C-alpha atoms as a PDB file:
ATOM      1  CA  MET A   1      12.160  -5.637 -13.398  1.00  0.00           C
ATOM      2  CA  ASN A   2      11.884  -9.391 -12.341  1.00  0.00           C
ATOM      3  CA  LEU A   3       8.504 -10.216 -14.567  1.00  0.00           C
ATOM      4  CA  SER A   4       7.483 -13.368 -15.430  1.00  0.00           C
ATOM      5  CA  MET A   5       7.239 -14.012 -19.247  1.00  0.00           C
ATOM      6  CA  LYS A   6       3.323 -13.903 -18.872  1.00  0.00           C
ATOM      7  CA  ASP A   7       3.565 -10.827 -17.120  1.00  0.00           C
ATOM      8  CA  LYS A   8       6.231  -9.408 -19.535  1.00  0.00           C
ATOM      9  CA  ILE A   9       3.516 -10.189 -22.528  1.00  0.00           C
ATOM     10  CA  ILE A  10       0.875  -8.639 -20.393  1.00  0.00           C
ATOM     11  CA  LYS A  11       2.980  -5.336 -19.776  1.00  0.00           C
ATOM     12  CA  ARG A  12       3.670  -4.984 -23.742  1.00  0.00           C
ATOM     13  CA  PHE A  13      -0.206  -5.243 -24.303  1.00  0.00           C
ATOM     14  CA  LEU A  14      -1.176  -2.729 -21.484  1.00  0.00           C
ATOM     15  CA  GLU A  15       1.842  -0.375 -22.709  1.00  0.00           C
ATOM     16  CA  ALA A  16       0.109  -0.539 -26.140  1.00  0.00           C
ATOM     17  CA  LYS A  17      -2.924   1.267 -24.854  1.00  0.00           C
ATOM     18  CA  ASP A  18      -5.389  -0.355 -27.233  1.00  0.00           C
ATOM     19  CA  GLU A  19      -2.945  -0.763 -30.420  1.00  0.00           C
ATOM     20  CA  PRO A  20      -2.201  -4.585 -31.568  1.00  0.00           C
ATOM     21  CA  ILE A  21       0.900  -6.067 -31.519  1.00  0.00           C
ATOM     22  CA  SER A  22       1.739  -8.841 -33.751  1.00  0.00           C
ATOM     23  CA  GLY A  23       3.013 -12.414 -32.634  1.00  0.00           C
ATOM     24  CA  GLN A  24       5.954 -11.703 -34.507  1.00  0.00           C
ATOM     25  CA  GLN A  25       7.108  -8.705 -32.808  1.00  0.00           C
ATOM     26  CA  LEU A  26       6.007 -10.230 -29.687  1.00  0.00           C
ATOM     27  CA  ALA A  27       8.735 -13.176 -30.176  1.00  0.00           C
ATOM     28  CA  ASP A  28      11.285 -11.176 -31.549  1.00  0.00           C
ATOM     29  CA  ASP A  29      11.350  -8.599 -28.433  1.00  0.00           C
ATOM     30  CA  LEU A  30      10.815 -11.340 -25.914  1.00  0.00           C
ATOM     31  CA  GLY A  31      13.536 -13.906 -27.397  1.00  0.00           C
ATOM     32  CA  ILE A  32      10.555 -17.033 -27.753  1.00  0.00           C
ATOM     33  CA  SER A  33       9.162 -18.414 -30.243  1.00  0.00           C
ATOM     34  CA  ARG A  34       5.687 -17.548 -32.487  1.00  0.00           C
ATOM     35  CA  THR A  35       4.491 -20.896 -30.735  1.00  0.00           C
ATOM     36  CA  ALA A  36       5.326 -20.201 -27.172  1.00  0.00           C
ATOM     37  CA  ILE A  37       3.905 -16.746 -27.914  1.00  0.00           C
ATOM     38  CA  TRP A  38       0.433 -18.267 -28.772  1.00  0.00           C
ATOM     39  CA  LYS A  39       0.405 -20.556 -25.575  1.00  0.00           C
ATOM     40  CA  HIS A  40       0.809 -17.697 -23.470  1.00  0.00           C
ATOM     41  CA  LEU A  41      -1.685 -16.022 -24.610  1.00  0.00           C
ATOM     42  CA  GLN A  42      -4.124 -19.068 -24.338  1.00  0.00           C
ATOM     43  CA  ASN A  43      -3.228 -19.231 -20.875  1.00  0.00           C
ATOM     44  CA  LEU A  44      -3.751 -15.884 -20.380  1.00  0.00           C
ATOM     45  CA  GLN A  45      -7.379 -16.091 -22.001  1.00  0.00           C
ATOM     46  CA  GLU A  46      -8.181 -18.932 -19.251  1.00  0.00           C
ATOM     47  CA  GLU A  47      -7.001 -16.227 -16.460  1.00  0.00           C
ATOM     48  CA  GLY A  48      -9.853 -14.002 -17.758  1.00  0.00           C
ATOM     49  CA  TYR A  49      -8.321 -11.719 -20.514  1.00  0.00           C
ATOM     50  CA  GLU A  50      -9.562 -11.124 -23.779  1.00  0.00           C
ATOM     51  CA  PHE A  51      -7.527 -10.757 -27.314  1.00  0.00           C
ATOM     52  CA  ILE A  52      -8.999 -10.318 -30.774  1.00  0.00           C
ATOM     53  CA  THR A  53      -7.212 -11.452 -33.660  1.00  0.00           C
ATOM     54  CA  ILE A  54      -6.641  -8.204 -36.242  1.00  0.00           C
ATOM     55  CA  LYS A  55      -6.069  -9.046 -39.990  1.00  0.00           C
ATOM     56  CA  LYS A  56      -2.490  -8.492 -40.999  1.00  0.00           C
ATOM     57  CA  LYS A  57      -1.980  -6.493 -37.200  1.00  0.00           C
ATOM     58  CA  GLY A  58      -1.726  -9.240 -34.646  1.00  0.00           C
ATOM     59  CA  TYR A  59      -3.690  -9.168 -31.413  1.00  0.00           C
ATOM     60  CA  LYS A  60      -5.261  -6.771 -29.625  1.00  0.00           C
ATOM     61  CA  LEU A  61      -6.146  -6.833 -25.916  1.00  0.00           C
ATOM     62  CA  ILE A  62     -10.068  -6.032 -25.317  1.00  0.00           C
ATOM     63  CA  ALA A  63     -10.472  -6.928 -21.574  1.00  0.00           C
ATOM     64  CA  VAL A  64      -8.461  -7.238 -18.512  1.00  0.00           C
ATOM     65  CA  PRO A  65      -9.553  -9.094 -15.446  1.00  0.00           C
ATOM     66  CA  ASP A  66      -9.862  -6.959 -12.063  1.00  0.00           C
ATOM     67  CA  ARG A  67      -6.592  -7.963 -10.521  1.00  0.00           C
ATOM     68  CA  VAL A  68      -3.223  -6.500  -8.619  1.00  0.00           C
ATOM     69  CA  ASP A  69      -0.914  -8.528 -10.393  1.00  0.00           C
ATOM     70  CA  ALA A  70       2.809  -7.809 -11.362  1.00  0.00           C
ATOM     71  CA  ALA A  71       1.935  -7.041 -15.191  1.00  0.00           C
ATOM     72  CA  LYS A  72      -0.604  -4.777 -14.109  1.00  0.00           C
ATOM     73  CA  ILE A  73       1.123  -2.696 -11.301  1.00  0.00           C
ATOM     74  CA  SER A  74       4.438  -2.594 -14.059  1.00  0.00           C
ATOM     75  CA  SER A  75       2.609  -0.746 -16.252  1.00  0.00           C
ATOM     76  CA  TYR A  76       1.823   2.113 -14.054  1.00  0.00           C
ATOM     77  CA  LEU A  77       4.968   1.791 -12.377  1.00  0.00           C
ATOM     78  CA  LYS A  78       7.333   5.340 -12.143  1.00  0.00           C
ATOM     79  CA  THR A  79       9.617   3.847  -9.642  1.00  0.00           C
ATOM     80  CA  LYS A  80      13.735   3.091  -9.212  1.00  0.00           C
ATOM     81  CA  ARG A  81      13.682   0.665  -6.725  1.00  0.00           C
ATOM     82  CA  PHE A  82      10.148  -0.148  -5.122  1.00  0.00           C
ATOM     83  CA  GLY A  83       7.953  -2.631  -6.888  1.00  0.00           C
ATOM     84  CA  HIS A  84      10.803  -3.830  -9.180  1.00  0.00           C
ATOM     85  CA  THR A  85      10.177  -7.452  -7.724  1.00  0.00           C
ATOM     86  CA  ILE A  86       6.494  -8.338  -7.355  1.00  0.00           C
ATOM     87  CA  HIS A  87       5.094 -11.726  -5.217  1.00  0.00           C
ATOM     88  CA  TYR A  88       1.666 -11.340  -6.254  1.00  0.00           C
ATOM     89  CA  PHE A  89      -0.792 -14.227  -4.638  1.00  0.00           C
ATOM     90  CA  GLU A  90      -4.624 -15.215  -5.661  1.00  0.00           C
ATOM     91  CA  GLU A  91      -4.864 -16.128  -1.956  1.00  0.00           C
ATOM     92  CA  ILE A  92      -2.309 -15.938   1.356  1.00  0.00           C
ATOM     93  CA  ASP A  93      -2.539 -16.225   4.628  1.00  0.00           C
ATOM     94  CA  SER A  94      -0.508 -13.147   5.705  1.00  0.00           C
ATOM     95  CA  THR A  95       1.910 -11.101   3.145  1.00  0.00           C
ATOM     96  CA  GLN A  96       3.296  -9.521   6.142  1.00  0.00           C
ATOM     97  CA  ARG A  97       4.359 -13.424   7.269  1.00  0.00           C
ATOM     98  CA  LEU A  98       5.911 -14.139   3.894  1.00  0.00           C
ATOM     99  CA  ALA A  99       7.812 -10.923   3.845  1.00  0.00           C
ATOM    100  CA  HIS A 100       9.536 -12.173   7.022  1.00  0.00           C
ATOM    101  CA  GLN A 101      10.486 -15.114   5.522  1.00  0.00           C
ATOM    102  CA  LEU A 102      11.402 -13.370   2.392  1.00  0.00           C
ATOM    103  CA  ALA A 103      13.547 -10.773   3.857  1.00  0.00           C
ATOM    104  CA  ARG A 104      15.672 -13.235   5.894  1.00  0.00           C
ATOM    105  CA  ASP A 105      16.192 -14.410   2.536  1.00  0.00           C
ATOM    106  CA  GLY A 106      17.866 -11.256   0.911  1.00  0.00           C
ATOM    107  CA  ALA A 107      14.956  -9.742  -0.762  1.00  0.00           C
ATOM    108  CA  LYS A 108      15.667  -6.291  -2.160  1.00  0.00           C
ATOM    109  CA  ASP A 109      14.685  -2.921  -1.264  1.00  0.00           C
ATOM    110  CA  GLY A 110      11.383  -1.884  -2.778  1.00  0.00           C
ATOM    111  CA  THR A 111       9.704  -5.609  -2.861  1.00  0.00           C
ATOM    112  CA  ILE A 112       6.162  -6.104  -2.545  1.00  0.00           C
ATOM    113  CA  ILE A 113       3.948  -9.514  -1.767  1.00  0.00           C
ATOM    114  CA  ILE A 114       0.442  -8.429  -2.818  1.00  0.00           C
ATOM    115  CA  ALA A 115      -2.666 -10.669  -2.773  1.00  0.00           C
ATOM    116  CA  GLU A 116      -5.946 -10.710  -3.945  1.00  0.00           C
ATOM    117  CA  GLU A 117      -7.227 -12.103  -0.537  1.00  0.00           C
ATOM    118  CA  GLN A 118      -5.476 -12.836   2.892  1.00  0.00           C
ATOM    119  CA  THR A 119      -6.762 -15.500   5.044  1.00  0.00           C
ATOM    120  CA  GLY A 120      -4.869 -14.446   8.285  1.00  0.00           C
ATOM    121  CA  GLY A 121      -4.200 -10.862   7.513  1.00  0.00           C
ATOM    122  CA  LYS A 122      -2.657  -8.947  10.525  1.00  0.00           C
ATOM    123  CA  GLY A 123      -3.294  -5.997  12.379  1.00  0.00           C
ATOM    124  CA  ARG A 124      -1.692  -4.075  15.458  1.00  0.00           C
ATOM    125  CA  MET A 125      -1.388  -5.745  18.438  1.00  0.00           C
ATOM    126  CA  GLN A 126      -2.324  -8.807  17.127  1.00  0.00           C
ATOM    127  CA  ARG A 127      -5.372  -8.139  16.094  1.00  0.00           C
ATOM    128  CA  THR A 128      -6.529  -9.742  12.714  1.00  0.00           C
ATOM    129  CA  TRP A 129      -7.304  -7.338   9.523  1.00  0.00           C
ATOM    130  CA  TYR A 130     -10.716  -8.317   7.335  1.00  0.00           C
ATOM    131  CA  SER A 131      -9.088  -8.599   3.763  1.00  0.00           C
ATOM    132  CA  ALA A 132     -12.398  -9.105   1.454  1.00  0.00           C
ATOM    133  CA  LYS A 133     -11.296 -11.179  -1.837  1.00  0.00           C
ATOM    134  CA  GLY A 134     -10.383  -8.498  -4.935  1.00  0.00           C
ATOM    135  CA  LYS A 135     -11.938  -5.764  -3.075  1.00  0.00           C
ATOM    136  CA  GLY A 136      -9.113  -4.289  -1.556  1.00  0.00           C
ATOM    137  CA  ILE A 137      -5.194  -3.644  -1.702  1.00  0.00           C
ATOM    138  CA  TRP A 138      -3.333  -6.320   0.798  1.00  0.00           C
ATOM    139  CA  MET A 139       0.488  -5.856   0.047  1.00  0.00           C
ATOM    140  CA  THR A 140       3.645  -5.513   2.332  1.00  0.00           C
ATOM    141  CA  VAL A 141       6.351  -3.309   1.065  1.00  0.00           C
ATOM    142  CA  ILE A 142      10.203  -4.568   2.501  1.00  0.00           C
ATOM    143  CA  VAL A 143      12.343  -1.539   2.691  1.00  0.00           C
ATOM    144  CA  ARG A 144      15.833  -1.597   3.908  1.00  0.00           C
ATOM    145  CA  PRO A 145      16.846   2.035   4.533  1.00  0.00           C
ATOM    146  CA  ASP A 146      20.510   3.062   6.061  1.00  0.00           C
ATOM    147  CA  LEU A 147      18.850   3.747   9.373  1.00  0.00           C
ATOM    148  CA  LEU A 148      19.343   3.406  12.977  1.00  0.00           C
ATOM    149  CA  PRO A 149      17.140   1.158  14.855  1.00  0.00           C
ATOM    150  CA  HIS A 150      15.389   4.721  16.751  1.00  0.00           C
ATOM    151  CA  GLN A 151      14.762   6.013  13.592  1.00  0.00           C
ATOM    152  CA  ALA A 152      12.679   3.258  12.184  1.00  0.00           C
ATOM    153  CA  PRO A 153       9.433   4.240  13.784  1.00  0.00           C
ATOM    154  CA  GLN A 154       9.083   7.266  11.420  1.00  0.00           C
ATOM    155  CA  LEU A 155       8.733   5.180   8.366  1.00  0.00           C
ATOM    156  CA  THR A 156       4.955   4.376   9.425  1.00  0.00           C
ATOM    157  CA  LEU A 157       4.090   8.003   9.622  1.00  0.00           C
ATOM    158  CA  ILE A 158       6.067   8.505   5.826  1.00  0.00           C
ATOM    159  CA  ALA A 159       3.874   4.968   4.749  1.00  0.00           C
ATOM    160  CA  ALA A 160       0.467   7.420   5.567  1.00  0.00           C
ATOM    161  CA  VAL A 161       1.874  10.417   3.884  1.00  0.00           C
ATOM    162  CA  SER A 162       2.516   8.434   0.599  1.00  0.00           C
ATOM    163  CA  ILE A 163      -0.589   6.850   0.888  1.00  0.00           C
ATOM    164  CA  VAL A 164      -2.817  10.413   1.735  1.00  0.00           C
ATOM    165  CA  MET A 165      -0.512  11.441  -1.158  1.00  0.00           C
ATOM    166  CA  ALA A 166      -1.285   8.759  -3.590  1.00  0.00           C
ATOM    167  CA  MET A 167      -5.010   9.421  -3.182  1.00  0.00           C
ATOM    168  CA  LYS A 168      -4.941  13.048  -3.283  1.00  0.00           C
ATOM    169  CA  SER A 169      -2.939  12.884  -6.695  1.00  0.00           C
ATOM    170  CA  LEU A 170      -5.417   9.985  -8.341  1.00  0.00           C
ATOM    171  CA  TYR A 171      -9.244  11.121  -6.511  1.00  0.00           C
ATOM    172  CA  THR A 172     -11.188  14.178  -6.596  1.00  0.00           C
ATOM    173  CA  ASN A 173     -14.144  13.416  -4.316  1.00  0.00           C
ATOM    174  CA  PHE A 174     -12.743  13.033  -0.780  1.00  0.00           C
ATOM    175  CA  THR A 175      -9.834  14.259   1.615  1.00  0.00           C
ATOM    176  CA  PRO A 176      -8.075  11.574   3.423  1.00  0.00           C
ATOM    177  CA  GLU A 177      -6.773  12.313   6.681  1.00  0.00           C
ATOM    178  CA  ILE A 178      -4.131  10.410   8.636  1.00  0.00           C
ATOM    179  CA  LYS A 179      -5.108   9.163  12.280  1.00  0.00           C
ATOM    180  CA  TRP A 180      -2.007   8.703  14.761  1.00  0.00           C
ATOM    181  CA  PRO A 181      -0.279   6.333  14.205  1.00  0.00           C
ATOM    182  CA  ASN A 182      -1.210   4.521  11.665  1.00  0.00           C
ATOM    183  CA  ASP A 183      -4.549   4.619  10.326  1.00  0.00           C
ATOM    184  CA  ILE A 184      -6.027   6.801   7.234  1.00  0.00           C
ATOM    185  CA  LEU A 185      -9.722   8.249   7.716  1.00  0.00           C
ATOM    186  CA  ILE A 186     -12.127   9.472   4.967  1.00  0.00           C
ATOM    187  CA  ASN A 187     -14.752  11.219   6.670  1.00  0.00           C
ATOM    188  CA  GLY A 188     -14.362   9.849   9.915  1.00  0.00           C
ATOM    189  CA  LYS A 189     -14.304   6.755   8.721  1.00  0.00           C
ATOM    190  CA  LYS A 190     -11.493   3.992   8.752  1.00  0.00           C
ATOM    191  CA  CYS A 191     -10.160   3.496   4.805  1.00  0.00           C
ATOM    192  CA  VAL A 192      -6.557   1.889   5.789  1.00  0.00           C
ATOM    193  CA  GLY A 193      -4.448   0.349   8.074  1.00  0.00           C
ATOM    194  CA  ILE A 194      -0.696   0.754   8.305  1.00  0.00           C
ATOM    195  CA  LEU A 195       1.660  -2.419  10.292  1.00  0.00           C
ATOM    196  CA  THR A 196       5.389  -1.765   9.987  1.00  0.00           C
ATOM    197  CA  GLU A 197       7.594  -4.460  11.729  1.00  0.00           C
ATOM    198  CA  MET A 198      11.192  -3.954  12.063  1.00  0.00           C
ATOM    199  CA  LEU A 199      14.076  -6.431  11.295  1.00  0.00           C
ATOM    200  CA  ALA A 200      17.485  -5.323  13.395  1.00  0.00           C
ATOM    201  CA  GLU A 201      20.450  -5.607  14.777  1.00  0.00           C
ATOM    202  CA  MET A 202      21.857  -3.590  18.024  1.00  0.00           C
ATOM    203  CA  ASP A 203      23.014  -0.694  15.450  1.00  0.00           C
ATOM    204  CA  ARG A 204      21.242  -0.966  12.455  1.00  0.00           C
ATOM    205  CA  VAL A 205      18.195  -1.807  10.470  1.00  0.00           C
ATOM    206  CA  ASP A 206      18.362  -4.974   7.897  1.00  0.00           C
ATOM    207  CA  GLY A 207      14.551  -4.415   7.046  1.00  0.00           C
ATOM    208  CA  LEU A 208      11.494  -2.958   7.591  1.00  0.00           C
ATOM    209  CA  LEU A 209       8.509  -4.551   6.491  1.00  0.00           C
ATOM    210  CA  ILE A 210       5.668  -1.765   5.839  1.00  0.00           C
ATOM    211  CA  GLY A 211       1.915  -4.019   5.765  1.00  0.00           C
ATOM    212  CA  ILE A 212      -0.869  -1.491   4.320  1.00  0.00           C
ATOM    213  CA  GLY A 213      -4.233  -2.734   3.789  1.00  0.00           C
ATOM    214  CA  ILE A 214      -6.173  -0.107   1.661  1.00  0.00           C
ATOM    215  CA  ASN A 215     -10.370  -1.101   1.705  1.00  0.00           C
ATOM    216  CA  ALA A 216     -10.478  -0.013  -2.162  1.00  0.00           C
ATOM    217  CA  ASN A 217     -13.499  -0.878  -4.159  1.00  0.00           C
ATOM    218  CA  HIS A 218     -15.687  -2.216  -1.145  1.00  0.00           C
ATOM    219  CA  GLU A 219     -19.081  -1.510  -0.955  1.00  0.00           C
ATOM    220  CA  GLN A 220     -20.713  -1.079   2.400  1.00  0.00           C
ATOM    221  CA  THR A 221     -22.391  -4.363   2.080  1.00  0.00           C
ATOM    222  CA  ASP A 222     -18.877  -5.821   1.995  1.00  0.00           C
ATOM    223  CA  PHE A 223     -18.093  -4.754   5.477  1.00  0.00           C
ATOM    224  CA  PRO A 224     -19.125  -7.303   8.431  1.00  0.00           C
ATOM    225  CA  ASP A 225     -22.088  -6.067  10.607  1.00  0.00           C
ATOM    226  CA  GLU A 226     -19.413  -5.024  13.289  1.00  0.00           C
ATOM    227  CA  LEU A 227     -17.535  -2.331  10.794  1.00  0.00           C
ATOM    228  CA  GLN A 228     -20.670  -1.371   9.071  1.00  0.00           C
ATOM    229  CA  GLU A 229     -20.273   1.977  10.747  1.00  0.00           C
ATOM    230  CA  ILE A 230     -16.969   2.766  11.277  1.00  0.00           C
ATOM    231  CA  ALA A 231     -15.382   1.175   7.756  1.00  0.00           C
ATOM    232  CA  THR A 232     -15.380   3.033   4.320  1.00  0.00           C
ATOM    233  CA  SER A 233     -13.596   2.399   1.047  1.00  0.00           C
ATOM    234  CA  VAL A 234     -11.773   4.607  -1.527  1.00  0.00           C
ATOM    235  CA  ALA A 235     -14.931   3.332  -4.403  1.00  0.00           C
ATOM    236  CA  ILE A 236     -17.311   4.754  -1.608  1.00  0.00           C
ATOM    237  CA  GLU A 237     -15.913   7.990  -0.882  1.00  0.00           C
ATOM    238  CA  GLU A 238     -14.638   8.405  -4.861  1.00  0.00           C
ATOM    239  CA  LYS A 239     -18.508   7.346  -6.045  1.00  0.00           C
ATOM    240  CA  GLN A 240     -17.104   4.946  -8.243  1.00  0.00           C
ATOM    241  CA  LYS A 241     -14.826   2.163  -8.744  1.00  0.00           C
ATOM    242  CA  VAL A 242     -10.880   2.436  -8.642  1.00  0.00           C
ATOM    243  CA  ASP A 243      -8.281   0.531 -10.098  1.00  0.00           C
ATOM    244  CA  ARG A 244      -6.114  -1.073  -7.746  1.00  0.00           C
ATOM    245  CA  ALA A 245      -3.336  -1.577  -9.614  1.00  0.00           C
ATOM    246  CA  GLN A 246      -2.662   2.294 -10.222  1.00  0.00           C
ATOM    247  CA  LEU A 247      -3.198   3.426  -6.615  1.00  0.00           C
ATOM    248  CA  VAL A 248      -0.481   0.746  -5.450  1.00  0.00           C
ATOM    249  CA  ALA A 249       2.062   2.216  -8.043  1.00  0.00           C
ATOM    250  CA  GLU A 250       1.194   5.438  -6.861  1.00  0.00           C
ATOM    251  CA  ILE A 251       1.726   4.740  -3.511  1.00  0.00           C
ATOM    252  CA  LEU A 252       5.203   2.926  -4.208  1.00  0.00           C
ATOM    253  CA  SER A 253       6.010   6.248  -5.980  1.00  0.00           C
ATOM    254  CA  TYR A 254       5.462   8.507  -3.138  1.00  0.00           C
ATOM    255  CA  LEU A 255       6.669   5.965  -0.575  1.00  0.00           C
ATOM    256  CA  GLU A 256      10.060   5.646  -2.237  1.00  0.00           C
ATOM    257  CA  ARG A 257      10.340   9.026  -2.830  1.00  0.00           C
ATOM    258  CA  TYR A 258      10.123  10.158   0.808  1.00  0.00           C
ATOM    259  CA  THR A 259      12.117   7.050   2.226  1.00  0.00           C
ATOM    260  CA  ASP A 260      14.645   8.547   0.078  1.00  0.00           C
ATOM    261  CA  GLU A 261      13.948  12.146   1.191  1.00  0.00           C
ATOM    262  CA  TYR A 262      14.251  10.755   4.835  1.00  0.00           C
ATOM    263  CA  ILE A 263      17.209   9.566   4.448  1.00  0.00           C
ATOM    264  CA  GLU A 264      19.256  12.370   2.886  1.00  0.00           C
ATOM    265  CA  ASN A 265      17.500  15.257   5.066  1.00  0.00           C
ATOM    266  CA  GLY A 266      15.732  14.320   7.893  1.00  0.00           C
ATOM    267  CA  PHE A 267      12.074  14.384   8.918  1.00  0.00           C
ATOM    268  CA  LYS A 268      11.356  17.691   8.924  1.00  0.00           C
ATOM    269  CA  SER A 269       9.763  17.931   5.438  1.00  0.00           C
ATOM    270  CA  ILE A 270       7.629  15.035   5.787  1.00  0.00           C
ATOM    271  CA  LYS A 271       6.800  15.833   9.394  1.00  0.00           C
ATOM    272  CA  GLN A 272       4.766  18.860   7.934  1.00  0.00           C
ATOM    273  CA  LEU A 273       3.063  17.022   5.472  1.00  0.00           C
ATOM    274  CA  TRP A 274       1.890  14.269   8.348  1.00  0.00           C
ATOM    275  CA  VAL A 275       1.008  17.258  10.395  1.00  0.00           C
ATOM    276  CA  GLU A 276      -1.283  19.094   7.431  1.00  0.00           C
ATOM    277  CA  HIS A 277      -3.185  16.164   6.927  1.00  0.00           C
ATOM    278  CA  SER A 278      -3.667  14.850  10.545  1.00  0.00           C
ATOM    279  CA  CYS A 279      -6.894  14.526  12.041  1.00  0.00           C
ATOM    280  CA  THR A 280      -5.366  13.833  15.749  1.00  0.00           C
ATOM    281  CA  ILE A 281      -3.374  17.358  16.002  1.00  0.00           C
ATOM    282  CA  GLY A 282      -5.535  19.642  17.924  1.00  0.00           C
ATOM    283  CA  LYS A 283      -8.430  17.505  19.118  1.00  0.00           C
ATOM    284  CA  ARG A 284      -8.881  16.767  22.620  1.00  0.00           C
ATOM    285  CA  ILE A 285      -8.340  12.609  22.487  1.00  0.00           C
ATOM    286  CA  ARG A 286      -8.358   9.606  24.331  1.00  0.00           C
ATOM    287  CA  ALA A 287      -4.943   7.428  24.931  1.00  0.00           C
ATOM    288  CA  SER A 288      -4.767   4.290  25.673  1.00  0.00           C
ATOM    289  CA  THR A 289      -1.231   2.569  26.097  1.00  0.00           C
ATOM    290  CA  ILE A 290      -0.620  -0.953  27.681  1.00  0.00           C
ATOM    291  CA  ARG A 291      -0.225   0.836  30.829  1.00  0.00           C
ATOM    292  CA  GLU A 292      -2.906   3.825  31.262  1.00  0.00           C
ATOM    293  CA  VAL A 293      -5.210   5.871  29.928  1.00  0.00           C
ATOM    294  CA  ILE A 294      -4.347   9.422  29.196  1.00  0.00           C
ATOM    295  CA  GLU A 295      -6.905  12.200  28.369  1.00  0.00           C
ATOM    296  CA  GLY A 296      -5.935  15.442  26.358  1.00  0.00           C
ATOM    297  CA  GLN A 297      -5.180  17.428  23.711  1.00  0.00           C
ATOM    298  CA  ALA A 298      -3.152  16.338  20.905  1.00  0.00           C
ATOM    299  CA  ILE A 299      -0.523  19.295  20.239  1.00  0.00           C
ATOM    300  CA  GLY A 300       1.642  17.307  17.801  1.00  0.00           C
ATOM    301  CA  ILE A 301       4.456  15.105  17.301  1.00  0.00           C
ATOM    302  CA  THR A 302       8.305  15.197  17.426  1.00  0.00           C
ATOM    303  CA  ASP A 303      10.763  14.381  14.926  1.00  0.00           C
ATOM    304  CA  GLU A 304      10.207  10.999  16.260  1.00  0.00           C
ATOM    305  CA  GLY A 305       7.052  10.454  15.342  1.00  0.00           C
ATOM    306  CA  VAL A 306       5.906  10.286  19.096  1.00  0.00           C
ATOM    307  CA  LEU A 307       2.686  11.803  20.212  1.00  0.00           C
ATOM    308  CA  GLU A 308       2.401  15.345  22.477  1.00  0.00           C
ATOM    309  CA  ILE A 309      -0.839  15.292  24.583  1.00  0.00           C
ATOM    310  CA  LEU A 310      -1.325  18.215  26.650  1.00  0.00           C
ATOM    311  CA  LEU A 311      -2.834  17.095  29.706  1.00  0.00           C
ATOM    312  CA  ASP A 312      -5.367  19.429  31.939  1.00  0.00           C
ATOM    313  CA  ASN A 313      -3.113  20.304  34.444  1.00  0.00           C
ATOM    314  CA  GLY A 314      -0.437  21.392  31.857  1.00  0.00           C
ATOM    315  CA  GLN A 315       1.944  18.900  31.500  1.00  0.00           C
ATOM    316  CA  ILE A 316       2.678  17.688  28.285  1.00  0.00           C
ATOM    317  CA  LYS A 317       2.770  13.927  28.047  1.00  0.00           C
ATOM    318  CA  LYS A 318       5.079  11.710  24.953  1.00  0.00           C
ATOM    319  CA  VAL A 319       3.005   8.823  24.013  1.00  0.00           C
ATOM    320  CA  TYR A 320       4.919   6.105  21.680  1.00  0.00           C
ATOM    321  CA  SER A 321       2.143   3.794  21.074  1.00  0.00           C
ATOM    322  CA  ALA A 322      -1.521   3.650  21.685  1.00  0.00           C
ATOM    323  CA  ASP A 323      -4.891   3.249  20.053  1.00  0.00           C
ATOM    324  CA  ILE A 324      -6.542   6.915  19.763  1.00  0.00           C
ATOM    325  CA  GLU A 325     -10.309   7.977  20.506  1.00  0.00           C
ATOM    326  CA  ILE A 326     -11.111  11.594  18.824  1.00  0.00           C
ATOM    327  CA  GLN A 327     -13.374  12.979  21.403  1.00  0.00           C
ATOM    328  CA  ASN A 328     -14.720  16.526  20.292  1.00  0.00           C
ATOM    329  CA  GLN A 329     -15.731  15.326  16.479  1.00  0.00           C
END
């Protein structure tokens, strides 16, 4: 795992679960001097970590700042690859933009870029994405699957299933639902957006950039006026603040698992999970594409992730990309 020395120290304390660790033990384990350990602890205290000294036992971590940094995420991580390289920022223009650059420079499968705040977050169709500081999960995962370009769109659906399953494993007060193609709703309000971009050659996928924006610890008043009626957060629905780093690690675990399953066995089993958690299938919808507006009943998705709409004249229309409005809520 690609961690800085500072992150390795924090990870050790987080894994110690309130037990003190001696400075000498840390120095021996990490191969640096006691003086270097002391300097790192001083720097960490300036960042908001709090330690106390227990006589003859060492240092004990008593307070952790609310961050989604590499140390906190990796302390929860159970993956083989995903999240083993983490680029963390207090502020960034767009995790998606940096992911493009890192992917072109050879970043490994499962590398993530995550920030406390985005000043130029990207949504679908060149929209901006509102990214409040310290409240959400704003990240991009670089995935390098052995796929053909036409198989890549399913990764958006796989990401949606991964997020829903992660939320269901951690929280009990709500049931997230997937709105085709790339939103997750809770009680009819948007909580998550997914933006997948592909780097590809004619015959193979070089990389996929899965951008994930999650309203995690927002209160209703944190949203701009125009989003008040249509947005929600995990904390609002769970009725308590959530550990963002834990949710990131859980999503990465499911995303690695389902990506590998798709490459190995195809889309069938994951498609079934997607349909089970969809709030689109079975509903009358209005789909706005670049060329036309289509109204009818959403009856399913194909194995390629294409939405099938039953029109009033009995024809089945396939929609590859659109904005969806559910009409019979």
